[in-house]
Amino acid sequence: MKFRIDIRRKEGLSDPEGMTTHKALHNLGYTDVTSAHFGRTIYLEIEAADPAAAAAEVETMCRQLLANPVIEDYDIGVVG
């Protein structure tokens, strides 16, 4: 199974990269951009017979290592 994990800062927390990008876009004349936010995407391939067990394992991976639950939110999706 293939999983896609999208990780981003929690709503309301500072996003310095996003703010810098937003300002740079405005300086280039893209004044219709109202905000920019940065995150990361991780793709995992897991050999599993049980899709529910694989999804639960990916959830555990996110909580333990892949995302910082204090400052980040994440979404897990199945690819393909």
PDB file of N, CA and C in Angstrom:
ATOM      1  N   MET A   1       0.844  -1.176   0.000  1.00  0.00           N
ATOM      2  CA  MET A   1       0.000   0.000   0.000  1.00  0.00           C
ATOM      3  C   MET A   1       0.888   1.237   0.000  1.00  0.00           C
ATOM      4  N   LYS A   2       0.398   2.276  -0.661  1.00  0.00           N
ATOM      5  CA  LYS A   2       1.104   3.547  -0.683  1.00  0.00           C
ATOM      6  C   LYS A   2       0.283   4.584   0.088  1.00  0.00           C
ATOM      7  N   PHE A   3       0.972   5.331   0.931  1.00  0.00           N
ATOM      8  CA  PHE A   3       0.331   6.377   1.719  1.00  0.00           C
ATOM      9  C   PHE A   3       0.997   7.712   1.428  1.00  0.00           C
ATOM     10  N   ARG A   4       0.191   8.754   1.476  1.00  0.00           N
ATOM     11  CA  ARG A   4       0.685  10.126   1.365  1.00  0.00           C
ATOM     12  C   ARG A   4       0.341  10.835   2.667  1.00  0.00           C
ATOM     13  N   ILE A   5       1.360  11.465   3.267  1.00  0.00           N
ATOM     14  CA  ILE A   5       1.170  12.192   4.518  1.00  0.00           C
ATOM     15  C   ILE A   5       1.512  13.656   4.257  1.00  0.00           C
ATOM     16  N   ASP A   6       0.538  14.526   4.436  1.00  0.00           N
ATOM     17  CA  ASP A   6       0.740  15.971   4.289  1.00  0.00           C
ATOM     18  C   ASP A   6       0.847  16.578   5.679  1.00  0.00           C
ATOM     19  N   ILE A   7       1.964  17.254   5.926  1.00  0.00           N
ATOM     20  CA  ILE A   7       2.233  17.834   7.245  1.00  0.00           C
ATOM     21  C   ILE A   7       2.342  19.349   7.108  1.00  0.00           C
ATOM     22  N   ARG A   8       1.680  20.062   8.010  1.00  0.00           N
ATOM     23  CA  ARG A   8       1.690  21.528   7.971  1.00  0.00           C
ATOM     24  C   ARG A   8       1.626  22.064   9.401  1.00  0.00           C
ATOM     25  N   ARG A   9       2.008  23.328   9.545  1.00  0.00           N
ATOM     26  CA  ARG A   9       1.913  23.960  10.869  1.00  0.00           C
ATOM     27  C   ARG A   9       0.456  24.088  11.284  1.00  0.00           C
ATOM     28  N   LYS A  10       0.226  24.019  12.567  1.00  0.00           N
ATOM     29  CA  LYS A  10      -1.130  24.200  13.086  1.00  0.00           C
ATOM     30  C   LYS A  10      -1.611  25.617  12.790  1.00  0.00           C
ATOM     31  N   GLU A  11      -2.897  25.730  12.602  1.00  0.00           N
ATOM     32  CA  GLU A  11      -3.527  27.029  12.345  1.00  0.00           C
ATOM     33  C   GLU A  11      -3.202  27.993  13.471  1.00  0.00           C
ATOM     34  N   GLY A  12      -2.819  29.194  13.113  1.00  0.00           N
ATOM     35  CA  GLY A  12      -2.540  30.228  14.094  1.00  0.00           C
ATOM     36  C   GLY A  12      -1.085  30.319  14.520  1.00  0.00           C
ATOM     37  N   LEU A  13      -0.271  29.324  14.148  1.00  0.00           N
ATOM     38  CA  LEU A  13       1.149  29.380  14.489  1.00  0.00           C
ATOM     39  C   LEU A  13       1.919  30.105  13.390  1.00  0.00           C
ATOM     40  N   SER A  14       2.997  30.724  13.775  1.00  0.00           N
ATOM     41  CA  SER A  14       3.828  31.462  12.834  1.00  0.00           C
ATOM     42  C   SER A  14       4.402  30.525  11.772  1.00  0.00           C
ATOM     43  N   ASP A  15       4.407  30.987  10.533  1.00  0.00           N
ATOM     44  CA  ASP A  15       4.983  30.253   9.401  1.00  0.00           C
ATOM     45  C   ASP A  15       5.962  31.193   8.702  1.00  0.00           C
ATOM     46  N   PRO A  16       7.201  31.289   9.211  1.00  0.00           N
ATOM     47  CA  PRO A  16       8.150  32.257   8.661  1.00  0.00           C
ATOM     48  C   PRO A  16       8.408  32.093   7.169  1.00  0.00           C
ATOM     49  N   GLU A  17       8.504  30.856   6.690  1.00  0.00           N
ATOM     50  CA  GLU A  17       8.720  30.629   5.259  1.00  0.00           C
ATOM     51  C   GLU A  17       7.531  31.124   4.445  1.00  0.00           C
ATOM     52  N   GLY A  18       6.348  30.848   4.946  1.00  0.00           N
ATOM     53  CA  GLY A  18       5.144  31.295   4.260  1.00  0.00           C
ATOM     54  C   GLY A  18       5.046  32.807   4.211  1.00  0.00           C
ATOM     55  N   MET A  19       5.364  33.458   5.326  1.00  0.00           N
ATOM     56  CA  MET A  19       5.301  34.927   5.366  1.00  0.00           C
ATOM     57  C   MET A  19       6.323  35.547   4.417  1.00  0.00           C
ATOM     58  N   THR A  20       7.534  34.989   4.383  1.00  0.00           N
ATOM     59  CA  THR A  20       8.572  35.495   3.496  1.00  0.00           C
ATOM     60  C   THR A  20       8.168  35.311   2.037  1.00  0.00           C
ATOM     61  N   THR A  21       7.612  34.158   1.710  1.00  0.00           N
ATOM     62  CA  THR A  21       7.168  33.883   0.344  1.00  0.00           C
ATOM     63  C   THR A  21       6.023  34.805  -0.048  1.00  0.00           C
ATOM     64  N   HIS A  22       5.089  35.011   0.868  1.00  0.00           N
ATOM     65  CA  HIS A  22       3.960  35.896   0.609  1.00  0.00           C
ATOM     66  C   HIS A  22       4.455  37.304   0.286  1.00  0.00           C
ATOM     67  N   LYS A  23       5.373  37.798   1.093  1.00  0.00           N
ATOM     68  CA  LYS A  23       5.927  39.140   0.876  1.00  0.00           C
ATOM     69  C   LYS A  23       6.666  39.210  -0.463  1.00  0.00           C
ATOM     70  N   ALA A  24       7.456  38.189  -0.774  1.00  0.00           N
ATOM     71  CA  ALA A  24       8.203  38.180  -2.035  1.00  0.00           C
ATOM     72  C   ALA A  24       7.264  38.153  -3.237  1.00  0.00           C
ATOM     73  N   LEU A  25       6.194  37.404  -3.156  1.00  0.00           N
ATOM     74  CA  LEU A  25       5.223  37.361  -4.250  1.00  0.00           C
ATOM     75  C   LEU A  25       4.579  38.728  -4.453  1.00  0.00           C
ATOM     76  N   HIS A  26       4.243  39.393  -3.356  1.00  0.00           N
ATOM     77  CA  HIS A  26       3.685  40.749  -3.459  1.00  0.00           C
ATOM     78  C   HIS A  26       4.690  41.695  -4.097  1.00  0.00           C
ATOM     79  N   ASN A  27       5.967  41.572  -3.700  1.00  0.00           N
ATOM     80  CA  ASN A  27       7.005  42.427  -4.275  1.00  0.00           C
ATOM     81  C   ASN A  27       7.179  42.191  -5.769  1.00  0.00           C
ATOM     82  N   LEU A  28       6.857  40.990  -6.228  1.00  0.00           N
ATOM     83  CA  LEU A  28       6.935  40.672  -7.655  1.00  0.00           C
ATOM     84  C   LEU A  28       5.674  41.068  -8.415  1.00  0.00           C
ATOM     85  N   GLY A  29       4.716  41.627  -7.693  1.00  0.00           N
ATOM     86  CA  GLY A  29       3.497  42.090  -8.343  1.00  0.00           C
ATOM     87  C   GLY A  29       2.306  41.152  -8.229  1.00  0.00           C
ATOM     88  N   TYR A  30       2.453  40.043  -7.535  1.00  0.00           N
ATOM     89  CA  TYR A  30       1.346  39.098  -7.362  1.00  0.00           C
ATOM     90  C   TYR A  30       0.536  39.499  -6.132  1.00  0.00           C
ATOM     91  N   THR A  31      -0.129  40.638  -6.232  1.00  0.00           N
ATOM     92  CA  THR A  31      -0.825  41.197  -5.075  1.00  0.00           C
ATOM     93  C   THR A  31      -2.142  40.495  -4.762  1.00  0.00           C
ATOM     94  N   ASP A  32      -2.583  39.607  -5.649  1.00  0.00           N
ATOM     95  CA  ASP A  32      -3.824  38.873  -5.380  1.00  0.00           C
ATOM     96  C   ASP A  32      -3.594  37.671  -4.466  1.00  0.00           C
ATOM     97  N   VAL A  33      -2.340  37.331  -4.171  1.00  0.00           N
ATOM     98  CA  VAL A  33      -2.040  36.239  -3.239  1.00  0.00           C
ATOM     99  C   VAL A  33      -2.315  36.739  -1.828  1.00  0.00           C
ATOM    100  N   THR A  34      -3.209  36.067  -1.121  1.00  0.00           N
ATOM    101  CA  THR A  34      -3.586  36.513   0.221  1.00  0.00           C
ATOM    102  C   THR A  34      -2.786  35.834   1.321  1.00  0.00           C
ATOM    103  N   SER A  35      -2.207  34.670   1.045  1.00  0.00           N
ATOM    104  CA  SER A  35      -1.361  34.003   2.037  1.00  0.00           C
ATOM    105  C   SER A  35      -0.572  32.892   1.356  1.00  0.00           C
ATOM    106  N   ALA A  36       0.503  32.473   2.001  1.00  0.00           N
ATOM    107  CA  ALA A  36       1.306  31.342   1.545  1.00  0.00           C
ATOM    108  C   ALA A  36       1.686  30.528   2.774  1.00  0.00           C
ATOM    109  N   HIS A  37       1.640  29.230   2.657  1.00  0.00           N
ATOM    110  CA  HIS A  37       1.940  28.345   3.775  1.00  0.00           C
ATOM    111  C   HIS A  37       2.843  27.218   3.295  1.00  0.00           C
ATOM    112  N   PHE A  38       3.803  26.864   4.116  1.00  0.00           N
ATOM    113  CA  PHE A  38       4.714  25.789   3.777  1.00  0.00           C
ATOM    114  C   PHE A  38       4.403  24.552   4.603  1.00  0.00           C
ATOM    115  N   GLY A  39       4.712  23.413   4.040  1.00  0.00           N
ATOM    116  CA  GLY A  39       4.565  22.134   4.710  1.00  0.00           C
ATOM    117  C   GLY A  39       5.455  21.134   4.008  1.00  0.00           C
ATOM    118  N   ARG A  40       5.204  19.878   4.281  1.00  0.00           N
ATOM    119  CA  ARG A  40       5.959  18.847   3.589  1.00  0.00           C
ATOM    120  C   ARG A  40       5.058  17.649   3.346  1.00  0.00           C
ATOM    121  N   THR A  41       5.453  16.844   2.378  1.00  0.00           N
ATOM    122  CA  THR A  41       4.705  15.651   2.024  1.00  0.00           C
ATOM    123  C   THR A  41       5.652  14.460   2.088  1.00  0.00           C
ATOM    124  N   ILE A  42       5.185  13.394   2.690  1.00  0.00           N
ATOM    125  CA  ILE A  42       5.954  12.155   2.812  1.00  0.00           C
ATOM    126  C   ILE A  42       5.141  11.043   2.161  1.00  0.00           C
ATOM    127  N   TYR A  43       5.797  10.249   1.335  1.00  0.00           N
ATOM    128  CA  TYR A  43       5.166   9.078   0.732  1.00  0.00           C
ATOM    129  C   TYR A  43       5.776   7.828   1.350  1.00  0.00           C
ATOM    130  N   LEU A  44       4.931   6.913   1.799  1.00  0.00           N
ATOM    131  CA  LEU A  44       5.380   5.645   2.369  1.00  0.00           C
ATOM    132  C   LEU A  44       4.755   4.493   1.603  1.00  0.00           C
ATOM    133  N   GLU A  45       5.535   3.457   1.369  1.00  0.00           N
ATOM    134  CA  GLU A  45       5.010   2.212   0.823  1.00  0.00           C
ATOM    135  C   GLU A  45       5.154   1.147   1.901  1.00  0.00           C
ATOM    136  N   ILE A  46       4.060   0.462   2.175  1.00  0.00           N
ATOM    137  CA  ILE A  46       4.030  -0.526   3.252  1.00  0.00           C
ATOM    138  C   ILE A  46       3.461  -1.831   2.703  1.00  0.00           C
ATOM    139  N   GLU A  47       4.133  -2.915   2.997  1.00  0.00           N
ATOM    140  CA  GLU A  47       3.599  -4.231   2.640  1.00  0.00           C
ATOM    141  C   GLU A  47       2.641  -4.645   3.749  1.00  0.00           C
ATOM    142  N   ALA A  48       1.383  -4.800   3.403  1.00  0.00           N
ATOM    143  CA  ALA A  48       0.395  -5.142   4.419  1.00  0.00           C
ATOM    144  C   ALA A  48      -0.777  -5.871   3.780  1.00  0.00           C
ATOM    145  N   ALA A  49      -1.268  -6.874   4.466  1.00  0.00           N
ATOM    146  CA  ALA A  49      -2.446  -7.602   4.011  1.00  0.00           C
ATOM    147  C   ALA A  49      -3.727  -6.919   4.483  1.00  0.00           C
ATOM    148  N   ASP A  50      -3.645  -6.210   5.588  1.00  0.00           N
ATOM    149  CA  ASP A  50      -4.812  -5.566   6.193  1.00  0.00           C
ATOM    150  C   ASP A  50      -4.688  -4.044   6.049  1.00  0.00           C
ATOM    151  N   PRO A  51      -5.486  -3.421   5.167  1.00  0.00           N
ATOM    152  CA  PRO A  51      -5.403  -1.970   4.971  1.00  0.00           C
ATOM    153  C   PRO A  51      -5.652  -1.160   6.238  1.00  0.00           C
ATOM    154  N   ALA A  52      -6.568  -1.597   7.078  1.00  0.00           N
ATOM    155  CA  ALA A  52      -6.862  -0.866   8.315  1.00  0.00           C
ATOM    156  C   ALA A  52      -5.664  -0.907   9.265  1.00  0.00           C
ATOM    157  N   ALA A  53      -5.008  -2.041   9.357  1.00  0.00           N
ATOM    158  CA  ALA A  53      -3.833  -2.155  10.223  1.00  0.00           C
ATOM    159  C   ALA A  53      -2.692  -1.301   9.682  1.00  0.00           C
ATOM    160  N   ALA A  54      -2.527  -1.245   8.366  1.00  0.00           N
ATOM    161  CA  ALA A  54      -1.478  -0.417   7.760  1.00  0.00           C
ATOM    162  C   ALA A  54      -1.742   1.057   8.035  1.00  0.00           C
ATOM    163  N   ALA A  55      -2.987   1.474   7.892  1.00  0.00           N
ATOM    164  CA  ALA A  55      -3.344   2.877   8.154  1.00  0.00           C
ATOM    165  C   ALA A  55      -3.099   3.227   9.618  1.00  0.00           C
ATOM    166  N   ALA A  56      -3.416   2.316  10.519  1.00  0.00           N
ATOM    167  CA  ALA A  56      -3.181   2.546  11.944  1.00  0.00           C
ATOM    168  C   ALA A  56      -1.688   2.648  12.229  1.00  0.00           C
ATOM    169  N   GLU A  57      -0.893   1.844  11.533  1.00  0.00           N
ATOM    170  CA  GLU A  57       0.552   1.893  11.704  1.00  0.00           C
ATOM    171  C   GLU A  57       1.115   3.233  11.232  1.00  0.00           C
ATOM    172  N   VAL A  58       0.613   3.734  10.106  1.00  0.00           N
ATOM    173  CA  VAL A  58       1.059   5.036   9.590  1.00  0.00           C
ATOM    174  C   VAL A  58       0.662   6.145  10.568  1.00  0.00           C
ATOM    175  N   GLU A  59      -0.519   6.067  11.123  1.00  0.00           N
ATOM    176  CA  GLU A  59      -0.958   7.038  12.131  1.00  0.00           C
ATOM    177  C   GLU A  59       0.008   7.061  13.318  1.00  0.00           C
ATOM    178  N   THR A  60       0.401   5.894  13.777  1.00  0.00           N
ATOM    179  CA  THR A  60       1.350   5.799  14.880  1.00  0.00           C
ATOM    180  C   THR A  60       2.698   6.394  14.494  1.00  0.00           C
ATOM    181  N   MET A  61       3.155   6.127  13.280  1.00  0.00           N
ATOM    182  CA  MET A  61       4.417   6.700  12.793  1.00  0.00           C
ATOM    183  C   MET A  61       4.369   8.223  12.815  1.00  0.00           C
ATOM    184  N   CYS A  62       3.239   8.771  12.422  1.00  0.00           N
ATOM    185  CA  CYS A  62       3.088  10.229  12.413  1.00  0.00           C
ATOM    186  C   CYS A  62       3.184  10.792  13.820  1.00  0.00           C
ATOM    187  N   ARG A  63       2.500  10.171  14.751  1.00  0.00           N
ATOM    188  CA  ARG A  63       2.518  10.662  16.135  1.00  0.00           C
ATOM    189  C   ARG A  63       3.885  10.506  16.783  1.00  0.00           C
ATOM    190  N   GLN A  64       4.625   9.445  16.442  1.00  0.00           N
ATOM    191  CA  GLN A  64       5.892   9.164  17.108  1.00  0.00           C
ATOM    192  C   GLN A  64       7.100   9.839  16.457  1.00  0.00           C
ATOM    193  N   LEU A  65       7.053  10.062  15.122  1.00  0.00           N
ATOM    194  CA  LEU A  65       8.262  10.529  14.464  1.00  0.00           C
ATOM    195  C   LEU A  65       8.036  11.546  13.347  1.00  0.00           C
ATOM    196  N   LEU A  66       7.096  11.292  12.476  1.00  0.00           N
ATOM    197  CA  LEU A  66       7.011  12.061  11.245  1.00  0.00           C
ATOM    198  C   LEU A  66       6.490  13.485  11.427  1.00  0.00           C
ATOM    199  N   ALA A  67       5.631  13.708  12.394  1.00  0.00           N
ATOM    200  CA  ALA A  67       5.077  15.044  12.645  1.00  0.00           C
ATOM    201  C   ALA A  67       5.286  15.411  14.111  1.00  0.00           C
ATOM    202  N   ASN A  68       5.417  16.697  14.347  1.00  0.00           N
ATOM    203  CA  ASN A  68       5.518  17.185  15.722  1.00  0.00           C
ATOM    204  C   ASN A  68       4.106  17.582  16.161  1.00  0.00           C
ATOM    205  N   PRO A  69       3.454  16.790  16.995  1.00  0.00           N
ATOM    206  CA  PRO A  69       2.057  17.048  17.337  1.00  0.00           C
ATOM    207  C   PRO A  69       1.828  18.360  18.092  1.00  0.00           C
ATOM    208  N   VAL A  70       2.876  18.960  18.616  1.00  0.00           N
ATOM    209  CA  VAL A  70       2.732  20.218  19.332  1.00  0.00           C
ATOM    210  C   VAL A  70       2.495  21.371  18.349  1.00  0.00           C
ATOM    211  N   ILE A  71       3.172  21.346  17.203  1.00  0.00           N
ATOM    212  CA  ILE A  71       3.085  22.482  16.266  1.00  0.00           C
ATOM    213  C   ILE A  71       2.583  22.100  14.881  1.00  0.00           C
ATOM    214  N   GLU A  72       2.337  20.807  14.636  1.00  0.00           N
ATOM    215  CA  GLU A  72       1.945  20.398  13.281  1.00  0.00           C
ATOM    216  C   GLU A  72       0.685  19.541  13.279  1.00  0.00           C
ATOM    217  N   ASP A  73      -0.076  19.700  12.196  1.00  0.00           N
ATOM    218  CA  ASP A  73      -1.196  18.825  11.878  1.00  0.00           C
ATOM    219  C   ASP A  73      -0.801  17.988  10.672  1.00  0.00           C
ATOM    220  N   TYR A  74      -1.482  16.881  10.471  1.00  0.00           N
ATOM    221  CA  TYR A  74      -1.188  16.048   9.308  1.00  0.00           C
ATOM    222  C   TYR A  74      -2.450  15.367   8.820  1.00  0.00           C
ATOM    223  N   ASP A  75      -2.421  15.029   7.539  1.00  0.00           N
ATOM    224  CA  ASP A  75      -3.484  14.254   6.906  1.00  0.00           C
ATOM    225  C   ASP A  75      -2.843  13.045   6.256  1.00  0.00           C
ATOM    226  N   ILE A  76      -3.495  11.896   6.372  1.00  0.00           N
ATOM    227  CA  ILE A  76      -3.000  10.665   5.777  1.00  0.00           C
ATOM    228  C   ILE A  76      -3.977  10.249   4.689  1.00  0.00           C
ATOM    229  N   GLY A  77      -3.452   9.919   3.535  1.00  0.00           N
ATOM    230  CA  GLY A  77      -4.292   9.446   2.443  1.00  0.00           C
ATOM    231  C   GLY A  77      -3.660   8.233   1.781  1.00  0.00           C
ATOM    232  N   VAL A  78      -4.490   7.412   1.172  1.00  0.00           N
ATOM    233  CA  VAL A  78      -4.019   6.263   0.411  1.00  0.00           C
ATOM    234  C   VAL A  78      -3.840   6.699  -1.024  1.00  0.00           C
ATOM    235  N   VAL A  79      -2.708   6.338  -1.613  1.00  0.00           N
ATOM    236  CA  VAL A  79      -2.399   6.713  -2.998  1.00  0.00           C
ATOM    237  C   VAL A  79      -2.699   5.510  -3.894  1.00  0.00           C
ATOM    238  N   GLY A  80      -3.435   5.772  -4.955  1.00  0.00           N
ATOM    239  CA  GLY A  80      -3.695   4.725  -5.934  1.00  0.00           C
ATOM    240  C   GLY A  80      -4.850   3.832  -5.635  1.00  0.00           C
TER     241      GLY A  80
END
